[in-house]
Amino acid sequence: MSSQTKTTVDQADVDRFSAMADEWWDPAGKFKPLHKFNPVRLSYIKEKVCENFNLDPASPKPFDGLRFLDIGCGGGLLCEPMARLGADIVGADASATNIEVARIHANQSGLEIDYRALTAEALLEHGEKFDCILNMEVVEHVADVNLFMTSCADMVKPGGLMFVATINRTFKANALAIFMAENVLKWLPKGTHQYEKLVRPRELEEPLNKAGMQIIHKTGVTYNPLHDQWSFSRDMEVNYMILARRSA
């Protein structure tokens, strides 16, 4: 397959999420786990961005002047908080249906967000560059992980960051993130995740390093059913986040 025809799009996954698009903003709907997960993601992003760019986290809009990309943005659950924090945010998704839902909700919220139905490789071809790229809960749904990670990394400006959040490919993750979440707790529709498409940390770190990015932080994220909340953890066997930086 030539580089011109390579794609990160897994059409079956795009179709699956497009079919659920009208539920993106329903906290009790099919995307309930992401709504529950969002506070942890947001606190991590805000803390690390402010540290990296020497910004005041107490400012009402600390991200003012920074250009963000949320790749695989879905209905915009991360784009809207980034916009409220002052970021110039581009939200990109391979699903035009998701993008339309995101646009409508942003308009209703009075937020200016540049939504585009494009892939990472298409954005790179357009010469786009960003201070921060949010690569959250998407890598396990793409067709070509190396192409996707490299395309994203090549859009990070010198001194910029890329956040990656995904699910590890372990027996523990198969039991908790797939079997329990989809079959027992029914947090997610069956088939949302496939074990063989889950990604181990080193499988992200290798293409990031080759693309000139340095891994500067890693953390696990675990769910506490008694408190019904997510929190940071040393355990990266199920959900985890990686932070990479391009040298200035």
C-alpha atoms as a PDB file:
ATOM      1  CA  MET A   1       0.000   0.000   0.000  1.00  0.00           C
ATOM      2  CA  SER A   2       1.492   3.359  -1.002  1.00  0.00           C
ATOM      3  CA  SER A   3       1.790   6.332   1.354  1.00  0.00           C
ATOM      4  CA  GLN A   4      -0.818   8.115  -0.754  1.00  0.00           C
ATOM      5  CA  THR A   5      -3.435   5.485   0.011  1.00  0.00           C
ATOM      6  CA  LYS A   6      -2.593   4.782   3.648  1.00  0.00           C
ATOM      7  CA  THR A   7      -5.286   5.856   6.078  1.00  0.00           C
ATOM      8  CA  THR A   8      -5.866   5.887   9.813  1.00  0.00           C
ATOM      9  CA  VAL A   9      -9.618   5.468   9.332  1.00  0.00           C
ATOM     10  CA  ASP A  10     -11.306   2.303  10.543  1.00  0.00           C
ATOM     11  CA  GLN A  11     -14.636   2.782   8.797  1.00  0.00           C
ATOM     12  CA  ALA A  12     -16.458   0.261  10.991  1.00  0.00           C
ATOM     13  CA  ASP A  13     -15.537   2.239  14.119  1.00  0.00           C
ATOM     14  CA  VAL A  14     -16.443   5.534  12.448  1.00  0.00           C
ATOM     15  CA  ASP A  15     -19.862   4.110  11.557  1.00  0.00           C
ATOM     16  CA  ARG A  16     -20.336   2.750  15.080  1.00  0.00           C
ATOM     17  CA  PHE A  17     -19.743   6.122  16.725  1.00  0.00           C
ATOM     18  CA  SER A  18     -21.703   8.011  14.063  1.00  0.00           C
ATOM     19  CA  ALA A  19     -24.739   5.866  14.878  1.00  0.00           C
ATOM     20  CA  MET A  20     -24.550   7.040  18.506  1.00  0.00           C
ATOM     21  CA  ALA A  21     -23.800  10.686  17.716  1.00  0.00           C
ATOM     22  CA  ASP A  22     -27.086  12.087  19.017  1.00  0.00           C
ATOM     23  CA  GLU A  23     -26.156  10.847  22.517  1.00  0.00           C
ATOM     24  CA  TRP A  24     -22.794  12.623  22.847  1.00  0.00           C
ATOM     25  CA  TRP A  25     -24.088  15.271  25.248  1.00  0.00           C
ATOM     26  CA  ASP A  26     -26.394  13.023  27.289  1.00  0.00           C
ATOM     27  CA  PRO A  27     -24.547  12.368  30.595  1.00  0.00           C
ATOM     28  CA  ALA A  28     -26.756   9.345  31.191  1.00  0.00           C
ATOM     29  CA  GLY A  29     -26.498   8.016  27.613  1.00  0.00           C
ATOM     30  CA  LYS A  30     -24.057   5.789  25.772  1.00  0.00           C
ATOM     31  CA  PHE A  31     -21.170   8.191  26.396  1.00  0.00           C
ATOM     32  CA  LYS A  32     -21.751   8.266  30.169  1.00  0.00           C
ATOM     33  CA  PRO A  33     -18.243   6.818  30.844  1.00  0.00           C
ATOM     34  CA  LEU A  34     -16.613   9.757  29.034  1.00  0.00           C
ATOM     35  CA  HIS A  35     -18.700  12.250  31.013  1.00  0.00           C
ATOM     36  CA  LYS A  36     -17.528  10.541  34.208  1.00  0.00           C
ATOM     37  CA  PHE A  37     -13.932  10.475  32.945  1.00  0.00           C
ATOM     38  CA  ASN A  38     -13.884  14.107  31.813  1.00  0.00           C
ATOM     39  CA  PRO A  39     -13.013  15.775  35.168  1.00  0.00           C
ATOM     40  CA  VAL A  40      -9.827  13.685  35.470  1.00  0.00           C
ATOM     41  CA  ARG A  41      -8.841  14.379  31.860  1.00  0.00           C
ATOM     42  CA  LEU A  42      -9.482  18.093  32.233  1.00  0.00           C
ATOM     43  CA  SER A  43      -7.530  18.459  35.471  1.00  0.00           C
ATOM     44  CA  TYR A  44      -4.559  16.605  33.960  1.00  0.00           C
ATOM     45  CA  ILE A  45      -4.563  18.691  30.782  1.00  0.00           C
ATOM     46  CA  LYS A  46      -4.875  21.992  32.660  1.00  0.00           C
ATOM     47  CA  GLU A  47      -2.122  21.142  35.143  1.00  0.00           C
ATOM     48  CA  LYS A  48       0.399  19.949  32.541  1.00  0.00           C
ATOM     49  CA  VAL A  49      -0.289  22.711  30.010  1.00  0.00           C
ATOM     50  CA  CYS A  50       0.115  25.398  32.656  1.00  0.00           C
ATOM     51  CA  GLU A  51       3.354  23.792  33.852  1.00  0.00           C
ATOM     52  CA  ASN A  52       4.803  23.493  30.349  1.00  0.00           C
ATOM     53  CA  PHE A  53       3.962  26.993  29.173  1.00  0.00           C
ATOM     54  CA  ASN A  54       4.417  28.685  32.571  1.00  0.00           C
ATOM     55  CA  LEU A  55       0.774  29.786  32.745  1.00  0.00           C
ATOM     56  CA  ASP A  56      -1.347  30.817  35.722  1.00  0.00           C
ATOM     57  CA  PRO A  57      -3.879  28.041  36.424  1.00  0.00           C
ATOM     58  CA  ALA A  58      -5.942  30.506  38.480  1.00  0.00           C
ATOM     59  CA  SER A  59      -6.501  32.691  35.411  1.00  0.00           C
ATOM     60  CA  PRO A  60     -10.033  32.473  33.961  1.00  0.00           C
ATOM     61  CA  LYS A  61      -8.532  31.796  30.510  1.00  0.00           C
ATOM     62  CA  PRO A  62      -5.027  30.389  31.042  1.00  0.00           C
ATOM     63  CA  PHE A  63      -4.868  28.866  27.541  1.00  0.00           C
ATOM     64  CA  ASP A  64      -5.341  32.197  25.786  1.00  0.00           C
ATOM     65  CA  GLY A  65      -2.929  32.397  22.839  1.00  0.00           C
ATOM     66  CA  LEU A  66      -2.410  28.624  22.551  1.00  0.00           C
ATOM     67  CA  ARG A  67      -3.600  26.611  19.559  1.00  0.00           C
ATOM     68  CA  PHE A  68      -5.077  23.200  20.355  1.00  0.00           C
ATOM     69  CA  LEU A  69      -6.144  20.201  18.283  1.00  0.00           C
ATOM     70  CA  ASP A  70      -8.570  17.631  19.668  1.00  0.00           C
ATOM     71  CA  ILE A  71      -8.124  14.743  17.246  1.00  0.00           C
ATOM     72  CA  GLY A  72     -11.016  12.285  17.201  1.00  0.00           C
ATOM     73  CA  CYS A  73     -13.067  14.916  19.017  1.00  0.00           C
ATOM     74  CA  GLY A  74     -16.411  13.144  18.742  1.00  0.00           C
ATOM     75  CA  GLY A  75     -19.187  15.434  19.911  1.00  0.00           C
ATOM     76  CA  GLY A  76     -16.810  17.976  21.444  1.00  0.00           C
ATOM     77  CA  LEU A  77     -16.693  16.934  25.103  1.00  0.00           C
ATOM     78  CA  LEU A  78     -13.107  18.200  25.409  1.00  0.00           C
ATOM     79  CA  CYS A  79     -13.235  20.972  22.817  1.00  0.00           C
ATOM     80  CA  GLU A  80     -15.781  23.048  24.700  1.00  0.00           C
ATOM     81  CA  PRO A  81     -13.842  23.141  28.014  1.00  0.00           C
ATOM     82  CA  MET A  82     -10.659  24.014  26.101  1.00  0.00           C
ATOM     83  CA  ALA A  83     -12.461  26.889  24.384  1.00  0.00           C
ATOM     84  CA  ARG A  84     -13.741  28.140  27.747  1.00  0.00           C
ATOM     85  CA  LEU A  85     -10.154  28.083  29.042  1.00  0.00           C
ATOM     86  CA  GLY A  86      -9.193  30.401  26.189  1.00  0.00           C
ATOM     87  CA  ALA A  87      -7.675  27.983  23.679  1.00  0.00           C
ATOM     88  CA  ASP A  88      -7.927  28.465  19.924  1.00  0.00           C
ATOM     89  CA  ILE A  89      -9.286  24.974  19.364  1.00  0.00           C
ATOM     90  CA  VAL A  90      -9.636  22.810  16.272  1.00  0.00           C
ATOM     91  CA  GLY A  91     -11.809  19.723  16.707  1.00  0.00           C
ATOM     92  CA  ALA A  92     -11.295  17.031  14.057  1.00  0.00           C
ATOM     93  CA  ASP A  93     -13.088  13.734  13.579  1.00  0.00           C
ATOM     94  CA  ALA A  94     -13.389  11.241  10.727  1.00  0.00           C
ATOM     95  CA  SER A  95     -17.162  11.174  11.289  1.00  0.00           C
ATOM     96  CA  ALA A  96     -18.999  14.062   9.636  1.00  0.00           C
ATOM     97  CA  THR A  97     -22.025  13.147  11.775  1.00  0.00           C
ATOM     98  CA  ASN A  98     -20.047  13.656  14.992  1.00  0.00           C
ATOM     99  CA  ILE A  99     -18.741  16.977  13.692  1.00  0.00           C
ATOM    100  CA  GLU A 100     -22.243  18.222  12.929  1.00  0.00           C
ATOM    101  CA  VAL A 101     -23.414  17.312  16.435  1.00  0.00           C
ATOM    102  CA  ALA A 102     -20.374  19.097  17.895  1.00  0.00           C
ATOM    103  CA  ARG A 103     -21.005  22.228  15.810  1.00  0.00           C
ATOM    104  CA  ILE A 104     -24.641  22.433  16.852  1.00  0.00           C
ATOM    105  CA  HIS A 105     -23.797  22.074  20.544  1.00  0.00           C
ATOM    106  CA  ALA A 106     -20.994  24.648  20.349  1.00  0.00           C
ATOM    107  CA  ASN A 107     -23.372  27.138  18.711  1.00  0.00           C
ATOM    108  CA  GLN A 108     -25.931  26.502  21.434  1.00  0.00           C
ATOM    109  CA  SER A 109     -23.193  27.085  24.027  1.00  0.00           C
ATOM    110  CA  GLY A 110     -22.026  30.315  22.371  1.00  0.00           C
ATOM    111  CA  LEU A 111     -18.522  28.963  21.731  1.00  0.00           C
ATOM    112  CA  GLU A 112     -16.300  29.445  18.682  1.00  0.00           C
ATOM    113  CA  ILE A 113     -14.693  26.123  17.792  1.00  0.00           C
ATOM    114  CA  ASP A 114     -13.178  25.214  14.434  1.00  0.00           C
ATOM    115  CA  TYR A 115     -14.696  21.796  13.746  1.00  0.00           C
ATOM    116  CA  ARG A 116     -13.513  19.780  10.754  1.00  0.00           C
ATOM    117  CA  ALA A 117     -14.444  16.359   9.383  1.00  0.00           C
ATOM    118  CA  LEU A 118     -10.823  15.429   8.663  1.00  0.00           C
ATOM    119  CA  THR A 119      -8.244  12.799   9.588  1.00  0.00           C
ATOM    120  CA  ALA A 120      -4.897  13.442  11.268  1.00  0.00           C
ATOM    121  CA  GLU A 121      -3.017  12.744   8.047  1.00  0.00           C
ATOM    122  CA  ALA A 122      -5.218  15.210   6.135  1.00  0.00           C
ATOM    123  CA  LEU A 123      -4.580  17.942   8.701  1.00  0.00           C
ATOM    124  CA  LEU A 124      -0.847  17.282   8.436  1.00  0.00           C
ATOM    125  CA  GLU A 125      -1.018  17.566   4.643  1.00  0.00           C
ATOM    126  CA  HIS A 126      -2.656  20.976   5.115  1.00  0.00           C
ATOM    127  CA  GLY A 127       0.418  22.102   7.069  1.00  0.00           C
ATOM    128  CA  GLU A 128      -1.366  22.516  10.400  1.00  0.00           C
ATOM    129  CA  LYS A 129       0.684  23.112  13.574  1.00  0.00           C
ATOM    130  CA  PHE A 130      -0.450  23.174  17.204  1.00  0.00           C
ATOM    131  CA  ASP A 131       0.876  23.996  20.658  1.00  0.00           C
ATOM    132  CA  CYS A 132      -1.092  21.106  22.155  1.00  0.00           C
ATOM    133  CA  ILE A 133      -2.698  18.016  20.671  1.00  0.00           C
ATOM    134  CA  LEU A 134      -5.317  16.070  22.614  1.00  0.00           C
ATOM    135  CA  ASN A 135      -5.240  12.465  21.435  1.00  0.00           C
ATOM    136  CA  MET A 136      -7.769  11.058  23.875  1.00  0.00           C
ATOM    137  CA  GLU A 137      -9.587   7.729  23.671  1.00  0.00           C
ATOM    138  CA  VAL A 138      -9.110   7.521  19.907  1.00  0.00           C
ATOM    139  CA  VAL A 139      -5.922   5.561  19.159  1.00  0.00           C
ATOM    140  CA  GLU A 140      -7.665   2.263  19.943  1.00  0.00           C
ATOM    141  CA  HIS A 141     -10.123   3.001  17.135  1.00  0.00           C
ATOM    142  CA  VAL A 142      -7.731   3.807  14.264  1.00  0.00           C
ATOM    143  CA  ALA A 143      -6.606   1.472  11.487  1.00  0.00           C
ATOM    144  CA  ASP A 144      -2.885   2.334  11.522  1.00  0.00           C
ATOM    145  CA  VAL A 145      -1.495   3.303  14.939  1.00  0.00           C
ATOM    146  CA  ASN A 146       2.007   4.225  13.718  1.00  0.00           C
ATOM    147  CA  LEU A 147       0.695   6.458  10.918  1.00  0.00           C
ATOM    148  CA  PHE A 148      -1.762   8.081  13.290  1.00  0.00           C
ATOM    149  CA  MET A 149       0.791   8.772  16.022  1.00  0.00           C
ATOM    150  CA  THR A 150       3.391  10.040  13.556  1.00  0.00           C
ATOM    151  CA  SER A 151       0.879  12.292  11.799  1.00  0.00           C
ATOM    152  CA  CYS A 152      -0.175  13.785  15.122  1.00  0.00           C
ATOM    153  CA  ALA A 153       3.393  14.199  16.386  1.00  0.00           C
ATOM    154  CA  ASP A 154       4.467  15.987  13.211  1.00  0.00           C
ATOM    155  CA  MET A 155       1.860  18.681  13.904  1.00  0.00           C
ATOM    156  CA  VAL A 156       3.231  19.571  17.358  1.00  0.00           C
ATOM    157  CA  LYS A 157       5.130  22.849  17.447  1.00  0.00           C
ATOM    158  CA  PRO A 158       8.582  23.050  19.083  1.00  0.00           C
ATOM    159  CA  GLY A 159       8.050  23.112  22.839  1.00  0.00           C
ATOM    160  CA  GLY A 160       4.521  21.782  22.382  1.00  0.00           C
ATOM    161  CA  LEU A 161       2.689  18.874  23.987  1.00  0.00           C
ATOM    162  CA  MET A 162       0.677  15.829  22.994  1.00  0.00           C
ATOM    163  CA  PHE A 163      -1.625  14.071  25.442  1.00  0.00           C
ATOM    164  CA  VAL A 164      -2.576  10.457  24.735  1.00  0.00           C
ATOM    165  CA  ALA A 165      -5.212   8.535  26.677  1.00  0.00           C
ATOM    166  CA  THR A 166      -6.180   4.977  25.819  1.00  0.00           C
ATOM    167  CA  ILE A 167      -6.622   1.407  27.117  1.00  0.00           C
ATOM    168  CA  ASN A 168      -3.753  -1.024  27.602  1.00  0.00           C
ATOM    169  CA  ARG A 169      -3.750  -4.383  25.843  1.00  0.00           C
ATOM    170  CA  THR A 170      -3.652  -6.637  28.903  1.00  0.00           C
ATOM    171  CA  PHE A 171      -5.767  -9.462  30.302  1.00  0.00           C
ATOM    172  CA  LYS A 172      -6.880  -7.105  33.072  1.00  0.00           C
ATOM    173  CA  ALA A 173      -8.061  -4.528  30.536  1.00  0.00           C
ATOM    174  CA  ASN A 174      -9.876  -7.218  28.568  1.00  0.00           C
ATOM    175  CA  ALA A 175     -11.706  -8.267  31.723  1.00  0.00           C
ATOM    176  CA  LEU A 176     -12.542  -4.791  33.037  1.00  0.00           C
ATOM    177  CA  ALA A 177     -12.635  -2.381  30.101  1.00  0.00           C
ATOM    178  CA  ILE A 178     -14.320  -4.745  27.666  1.00  0.00           C
ATOM    179  CA  PHE A 179     -16.130  -7.653  29.337  1.00  0.00           C
ATOM    180  CA  MET A 180     -17.254  -5.854  32.506  1.00  0.00           C
ATOM    181  CA  ALA A 181     -17.907  -2.456  30.885  1.00  0.00           C
ATOM    182  CA  GLU A 182     -19.788  -3.804  27.880  1.00  0.00           C
ATOM    183  CA  ASN A 183     -21.419  -7.026  29.108  1.00  0.00           C
ATOM    184  CA  VAL A 184     -21.937  -6.675  32.858  1.00  0.00           C
ATOM    185  CA  LEU A 185     -22.134  -2.976  33.724  1.00  0.00           C
ATOM    186  CA  LYS A 186     -23.354  -2.129  30.219  1.00  0.00           C
ATOM    187  CA  TRP A 187     -21.547   1.221  30.293  1.00  0.00           C
ATOM    188  CA  LEU A 188     -20.760   0.839  26.597  1.00  0.00           C
ATOM    189  CA  PRO A 189     -22.483  -0.878  23.672  1.00  0.00           C
ATOM    190  CA  LYS A 190     -21.027  -4.299  22.855  1.00  0.00           C
ATOM    191  CA  GLY A 191     -18.262  -4.029  20.297  1.00  0.00           C
ATOM    192  CA  THR A 192     -17.122  -0.530  21.324  1.00  0.00           C
ATOM    193  CA  HIS A 193     -13.639  -1.902  21.968  1.00  0.00           C
ATOM    194  CA  GLN A 194     -11.834  -4.858  20.421  1.00  0.00           C
ATOM    195  CA  TYR A 195      -9.029  -6.427  22.449  1.00  0.00           C
ATOM    196  CA  GLU A 196      -6.676  -6.774  19.478  1.00  0.00           C
ATOM    197  CA  LYS A 197      -6.905  -3.023  18.788  1.00  0.00           C
ATOM    198  CA  LEU A 198      -5.958  -1.969  22.325  1.00  0.00           C
ATOM    199  CA  VAL A 199      -2.504  -0.389  22.503  1.00  0.00           C
ATOM    200  CA  ARG A 200       0.349  -0.955  24.925  1.00  0.00           C
ATOM    201  CA  PRO A 201       2.353   2.089  26.121  1.00  0.00           C
ATOM    202  CA  ARG A 202       5.545   1.106  24.289  1.00  0.00           C
ATOM    203  CA  GLU A 203       3.559   0.880  21.035  1.00  0.00           C
ATOM    204  CA  LEU A 204       2.829   4.585  21.431  1.00  0.00           C
ATOM    205  CA  GLU A 205       6.196   5.591  22.797  1.00  0.00           C
ATOM    206  CA  GLU A 206       8.173   4.121  19.897  1.00  0.00           C
ATOM    207  CA  PRO A 207       6.523   6.141  17.082  1.00  0.00           C
ATOM    208  CA  LEU A 208       6.462   9.237  19.290  1.00  0.00           C
ATOM    209  CA  ASN A 209      10.190   8.972  19.987  1.00  0.00           C
ATOM    210  CA  LYS A 210      10.953   8.376  16.309  1.00  0.00           C
ATOM    211  CA  ALA A 211       8.940  11.507  15.476  1.00  0.00           C
ATOM    212  CA  GLY A 212      11.063  13.609  17.830  1.00  0.00           C
ATOM    213  CA  MET A 213       8.783  13.607  20.874  1.00  0.00           C
ATOM    214  CA  GLN A 214       9.998  12.898  24.411  1.00  0.00           C
ATOM    215  CA  ILE A 215       7.786  11.106  26.936  1.00  0.00           C
ATOM    216  CA  ILE A 216       7.723  13.374  30.014  1.00  0.00           C
ATOM    217  CA  HIS A 217       4.943  11.839  32.110  1.00  0.00           C
ATOM    218  CA  LYS A 218       2.797   8.704  32.389  1.00  0.00           C
ATOM    219  CA  THR A 219      -0.095   7.861  34.679  1.00  0.00           C
ATOM    220  CA  GLY A 220      -2.723   5.224  35.121  1.00  0.00           C
ATOM    221  CA  VAL A 221      -6.365   6.128  35.654  1.00  0.00           C
ATOM    222  CA  THR A 222      -8.621   3.831  37.671  1.00  0.00           C
ATOM    223  CA  TYR A 223     -12.316   3.722  38.495  1.00  0.00           C
ATOM    224  CA  ASN A 224     -13.598   3.443  42.070  1.00  0.00           C
ATOM    225  CA  PRO A 225     -17.102   1.913  41.980  1.00  0.00           C
ATOM    226  CA  LEU A 226     -17.798   2.810  45.628  1.00  0.00           C
ATOM    227  CA  HIS A 227     -17.310   6.521  44.950  1.00  0.00           C
ATOM    228  CA  ASP A 228     -18.349   6.330  41.282  1.00  0.00           C
ATOM    229  CA  GLN A 229     -15.347   8.350  40.164  1.00  0.00           C
ATOM    230  CA  TRP A 230     -12.065   8.144  38.298  1.00  0.00           C
ATOM    231  CA  SER A 231      -8.701   9.040  39.808  1.00  0.00           C
ATOM    232  CA  PHE A 232      -5.005   8.939  38.960  1.00  0.00           C
ATOM    233  CA  SER A 233      -3.125   5.751  39.778  1.00  0.00           C
ATOM    234  CA  ARG A 234       0.242   4.035  39.372  1.00  0.00           C
ATOM    235  CA  ASP A 235      -1.656   1.144  37.781  1.00  0.00           C
ATOM    236  CA  MET A 236      -1.418   1.502  33.989  1.00  0.00           C
ATOM    237  CA  GLU A 237      -2.736  -1.971  33.181  1.00  0.00           C
ATOM    238  CA  VAL A 238      -6.168  -0.736  32.093  1.00  0.00           C
ATOM    239  CA  ASN A 239      -6.623   2.988  31.399  1.00  0.00           C
ATOM    240  CA  TYR A 240      -3.561   5.186  31.102  1.00  0.00           C
ATOM    241  CA  MET A 241      -2.374   8.574  29.858  1.00  0.00           C
ATOM    242  CA  ILE A 242       0.952   9.558  28.323  1.00  0.00           C
ATOM    243  CA  LEU A 243       2.307  13.072  27.931  1.00  0.00           C
ATOM    244  CA  ALA A 244       4.923  13.787  25.242  1.00  0.00           C
ATOM    245  CA  ARG A 245       6.808  17.003  24.469  1.00  0.00           C
ATOM    246  CA  ARG A 246       8.697  18.257  21.435  1.00  0.00           C
ATOM    247  CA  SER A 247      11.968  19.999  22.250  1.00  0.00           C
ATOM    248  CA  ALA A 248      11.887  23.769  21.814  1.00  0.00           C
END
